[in-house]
């Protein structure tokens, strides 16, 4: 499956949408999901790219979030695209 790329899910716990919620628990749940996701993709020889660390930078850089305060901004998507480019041009 060399034409399939799977990205990790973002950590929405760093967004304003998570205000009042247990951000540490959200991060743990995101990490657990991503670990399972990566294991499955590895088992099937599918490219896996972990962008979650990048998304966690939104805690200090709100320009990485869309105006709704939850979804990634174009700037964040561009960073993901760079990660994809690096993976497929090796």
Protein backbone atom coordinates (compact mmCIF):
# COMPACT_ATOMS: atom_id res chain seq x y z
CA UNK A 1 0.00 0.00 0.00
CA UNK A 2 2.64 2.46 -1.03
CA UNK A 3 0.01 4.96 -2.17
CA UNK A 4 -1.66 5.25 1.23
CA UNK A 5 -0.57 7.63 3.96
CA UNK A 6 -2.15 7.75 7.40
CA UNK A 7 -1.75 10.77 9.66
CA UNK A 8 -2.07 10.70 13.41
CA UNK A 9 -4.98 12.57 14.89
CA UNK A 10 -4.35 16.04 16.28
CA UNK A 11 -4.43 16.74 19.99
CA UNK A 12 -7.56 18.83 20.29
CA UNK A 13 -6.85 19.15 24.02
CA UNK A 14 -4.55 22.09 23.32
CA UNK A 15 -7.35 24.07 21.66
CA UNK A 16 -9.75 26.52 23.27
CA UNK A 17 -12.47 23.96 22.51
CA UNK A 18 -11.08 21.86 25.39
CA UNK A 19 -11.38 24.66 27.96
CA UNK A 20 -12.70 23.24 31.22
CA UNK A 21 -11.83 19.66 30.26
CA UNK A 22 -9.04 17.39 31.45
CA UNK A 23 -6.34 18.23 28.89
CA UNK A 24 -3.95 15.61 30.27
CA UNK A 25 -6.59 12.90 29.84
CA UNK A 26 -7.34 14.09 26.31
CA UNK A 27 -3.62 13.89 25.45
CA UNK A 28 -3.43 10.37 26.89
CA UNK A 29 -6.46 9.27 24.87
CA UNK A 30 -5.07 10.83 21.68
CA UNK A 31 -1.73 9.11 22.26
CA UNK A 32 -3.41 5.74 22.88
CA UNK A 33 -5.47 6.04 19.70
CA UNK A 34 -2.43 7.07 17.69
CA UNK A 35 -0.36 4.19 19.07
CA UNK A 36 -3.02 1.69 17.99
CA UNK A 37 -3.36 3.45 14.65
CA UNK A 38 0.38 3.30 14.03
CA UNK A 39 0.53 -0.39 14.96
CA UNK A 40 -2.21 -1.21 12.46
CA UNK A 41 -0.64 0.83 9.67
CA UNK A 42 2.76 -0.77 10.32
CA UNK A 43 1.19 -4.21 10.16
CA UNK A 44 -0.13 -3.36 6.70
CA UNK A 45 3.02 -1.60 5.47
CA UNK A 46 1.25 1.72 5.18
CA UNK A 47 3.04 5.04 5.59
CA UNK A 48 2.28 6.59 8.96
CA UNK A 49 3.09 10.18 9.82
CA UNK A 50 2.76 11.47 13.36
CA UNK A 51 1.67 15.10 13.27
CA UNK A 52 0.36 15.17 16.83
CA UNK A 53 3.50 16.80 18.21
CA UNK A 54 3.11 19.58 15.69
CA UNK A 55 -0.51 20.12 16.70
CA UNK A 56 0.46 20.43 20.35
CA UNK A 57 2.39 23.59 19.50
CA UNK A 58 -1.00 25.31 19.11
CA UNK A 59 -1.10 25.69 22.88
CA UNK A 60 1.36 28.58 22.44
CA UNK A 61 0.74 29.49 18.77
CA UNK A 62 -2.94 30.08 18.02
CA UNK A 63 -2.09 30.82 14.37
CA UNK A 64 -1.97 27.04 13.98
CA UNK A 65 -5.73 26.93 14.62
CA UNK A 66 -8.63 27.87 12.35
CA UNK A 67 -10.90 30.69 13.51
CA UNK A 68 -13.27 28.15 15.10
CA UNK A 69 -10.57 27.40 17.69
CA UNK A 70 -10.71 23.65 17.05
CA UNK A 71 -9.57 22.76 13.56
CA UNK A 72 -6.11 23.22 12.07
CA UNK A 73 -5.35 26.40 10.15
CA UNK A 74 -3.90 26.55 6.66
CA UNK A 75 -0.53 27.21 8.30
CA UNK A 76 -0.83 23.94 10.24
CA UNK A 77 -1.95 21.99 7.18
CA UNK A 78 1.08 23.34 5.31
CA UNK A 79 3.31 21.90 8.02
CA UNK A 80 1.60 18.53 7.61
CA UNK A 81 2.09 18.75 3.86
CA UNK A 82 5.82 19.24 4.44
CA UNK A 83 5.90 16.10 6.58
CA UNK A 84 4.11 14.18 3.82
CA UNK A 85 6.51 15.55 1.22
CA UNK A 86 9.50 14.40 3.29
CA UNK A 87 8.03 10.92 3.60
CA UNK A 88 7.24 10.43 -0.08
CA UNK A 89 10.40 11.97 -1.52
CA UNK A 90 12.90 9.83 0.39
